[in-house]
Protein backbone atom coordinates (compact mmCIF):
# COMPACT_ATOMS: atom_id res chain seq x y z
CA UNK A 1 -0.08 0.12 0.15
CA UNK A 2 1.04 3.44 -0.78
CA UNK A 3 0.08 6.39 0.35
CA UNK A 4 -0.19 9.52 -1.10
CA UNK A 5 0.31 13.50 0.02
CA UNK A 6 0.49 16.39 -1.94
CA UNK A 7 1.05 20.24 -0.76
CA UNK A 8 2.20 23.82 -2.74
CA UNK A 9 -1.12 24.22 -4.07
CA UNK A 10 -2.63 27.74 -3.95
CA UNK A 11 -3.32 30.86 -5.68
CA UNK A 12 -0.80 32.18 -8.05
CA UNK A 13 -1.25 35.28 -10.62
CA UNK A 14 -1.08 34.86 -14.12
CA UNK A 15 2.46 34.15 -15.76
CA UNK A 16 3.93 33.01 -12.77
CA UNK A 17 5.20 29.83 -11.17
CA UNK A 18 5.09 27.45 -8.11
CA UNK A 19 6.19 24.02 -7.43
CA UNK A 20 3.67 20.91 -6.40
CA UNK A 21 5.05 18.40 -4.23
CA UNK A 22 4.13 14.59 -3.51
CA UNK A 23 5.24 12.63 -0.86
CA UNK A 24 4.97 9.10 -0.95
CA UNK A 25 4.90 6.29 2.39
CA UNK A 26 6.27 2.91 1.87
CA UNK A 27 8.92 1.46 0.35
CA UNK A 28 9.60 0.93 -3.36
CA UNK A 29 9.32 4.09 -4.64
CA UNK A 30 11.84 4.31 -7.11
CA UNK A 31 10.45 1.57 -8.74
CA UNK A 32 6.91 3.07 -9.26
CA UNK A 33 6.27 5.22 -12.56
CA UNK A 34 4.58 8.34 -10.83
CA UNK A 35 2.18 11.37 -12.66
CA UNK A 36 0.68 14.34 -11.83
CA UNK A 37 -3.59 14.66 -13.15
CA UNK A 38 -5.77 17.77 -13.02
CA UNK A 39 -9.63 18.06 -13.11
CA UNK A 40 -11.29 20.97 -13.03
CA UNK A 41 -15.93 20.75 -11.92
CA UNK A 42 -17.42 18.74 -14.75
CA UNK A 43 -14.61 17.84 -16.93
CA UNK A 44 -12.75 14.64 -16.26
CA UNK A 45 -8.85 14.41 -15.47
CA UNK A 46 -6.38 15.11 -17.05
CA UNK A 47 -2.77 13.68 -17.27
CA UNK A 48 -0.72 16.47 -17.08
CA UNK A 49 2.82 14.59 -16.78
CA UNK A 50 4.99 11.84 -16.09
CA UNK A 51 8.32 10.23 -14.93
CA UNK A 52 9.31 6.63 -14.96
CA UNK A 53 11.60 4.90 -12.34
CA UNK A 54 13.87 5.73 -15.04
CA UNK A 55 13.78 9.55 -14.65
CA UNK A 56 12.07 9.50 -19.00
CA UNK A 57 9.75 11.76 -18.42
CA UNK A 58 6.37 13.08 -20.88
CA UNK A 59 3.74 15.59 -21.04
CA UNK A 60 0.62 16.92 -22.18
CA UNK A 61 0.91 19.50 -24.36
CA UNK A 62 -1.28 22.04 -22.95
CA UNK A 63 1.90 22.25 -20.19
CA UNK A 64 4.76 21.13 -22.22
CA UNK A 65 7.70 23.88 -21.97
CA UNK A 66 5.65 25.06 -18.86
CA UNK A 67 6.08 22.33 -16.59
CA UNK A 68 8.43 20.02 -15.12
CA UNK A 69 8.68 17.11 -13.85
CA UNK A 70 11.09 15.33 -11.28
CA UNK A 71 11.55 13.08 -8.54
CA UNK A 72 13.89 12.42 -5.29
CA UNK A 73 13.88 8.66 -5.16
CA UNK A 74 15.62 8.98 -1.51
CA UNK A 75 12.77 11.44 -0.02
CA UNK A 76 10.03 9.28 -1.46
CA UNK A 77 9.01 12.60 -3.41
CA UNK A 78 7.64 14.00 -6.58
CA UNK A 79 7.48 17.30 -8.07
CA UNK A 80 5.53 19.19 -10.63
CA UNK A 81 6.96 22.79 -11.56
CA UNK A 82 4.38 25.59 -13.14
CA UNK A 83 6.00 28.43 -15.03
CA UNK A 84 4.05 30.57 -16.81
CA UNK A 85 1.02 29.79 -15.43
CA UNK A 86 -2.63 30.26 -17.24
CA UNK A 87 -5.95 30.15 -15.97
CA UNK A 88 -6.51 27.31 -17.73
CA UNK A 89 -4.60 25.55 -15.33
CA UNK A 90 -7.07 26.22 -12.32
CA UNK A 91 -8.09 22.57 -10.92
CA UNK A 92 -7.27 20.26 -9.10
CA UNK A 93 -3.84 18.59 -9.24
CA UNK A 94 -3.39 15.22 -8.00
CA UNK A 95 -0.48 12.58 -7.75
CA UNK A 96 -0.26 9.30 -9.21
CA UNK A 97 1.93 6.32 -8.26
CA UNK A 98 1.90 3.07 -11.02
CA UNK A 99 3.45 -0.06 -10.70
CA UNK A 100 2.99 -3.51 -12.12
CA UNK A 101 3.75 -6.96 -9.84
CA UNK A 102 3.62 -10.14 -11.48
CA UNK A 103 1.52 -8.76 -14.22
CA UNK A 104 -0.98 -7.13 -12.03
CA UNK A 105 -1.45 -3.55 -11.77
CA UNK A 106 -1.21 -0.76 -8.59
CA UNK A 107 -2.59 2.66 -9.19
CA UNK A 108 -2.79 5.03 -5.84
CA UNK A 109 -3.85 8.25 -5.63
CA UNK A 110 -3.15 11.16 -3.24
CA UNK A 111 -6.11 13.84 -2.21
CA UNK A 112 -5.17 16.58 -4.20
CA UNK A 113 -3.79 19.82 -3.99
CA UNK A 114 -5.95 23.11 -5.58
CA UNK A 115 -3.95 25.05 -7.53
CA UNK A 116 -6.03 28.50 -8.97
CA UNK A 117 -4.54 30.77 -11.29
CA UNK A 118 -5.95 34.05 -11.12
CA UNK A 119 -4.70 37.99 -10.69
């Protein structure tokens, strides 16, 4: 079992920056694919970025060039740096951990942290 706790959300002005953090409990953090997703009321959850155990990263087109995902395996933490924030970045951001053991997928979610981009 893995528990994920996000932090770092809040109010940011358009064009501003913030860094989200997600701390994972338990062992084997380094083996998980970690991701960030976001959701606004009435819309489906949207994938934002992910990072593999080897450090390879992928980004949604909507955030490419503005966001950076990184992981610190020593501290069981994954980060999402958001730069040049836009009002459309406003959402609840959730952390996700994924792995497979003996062919069985395991997926864990955090509770989320609210990000509001507004002047």
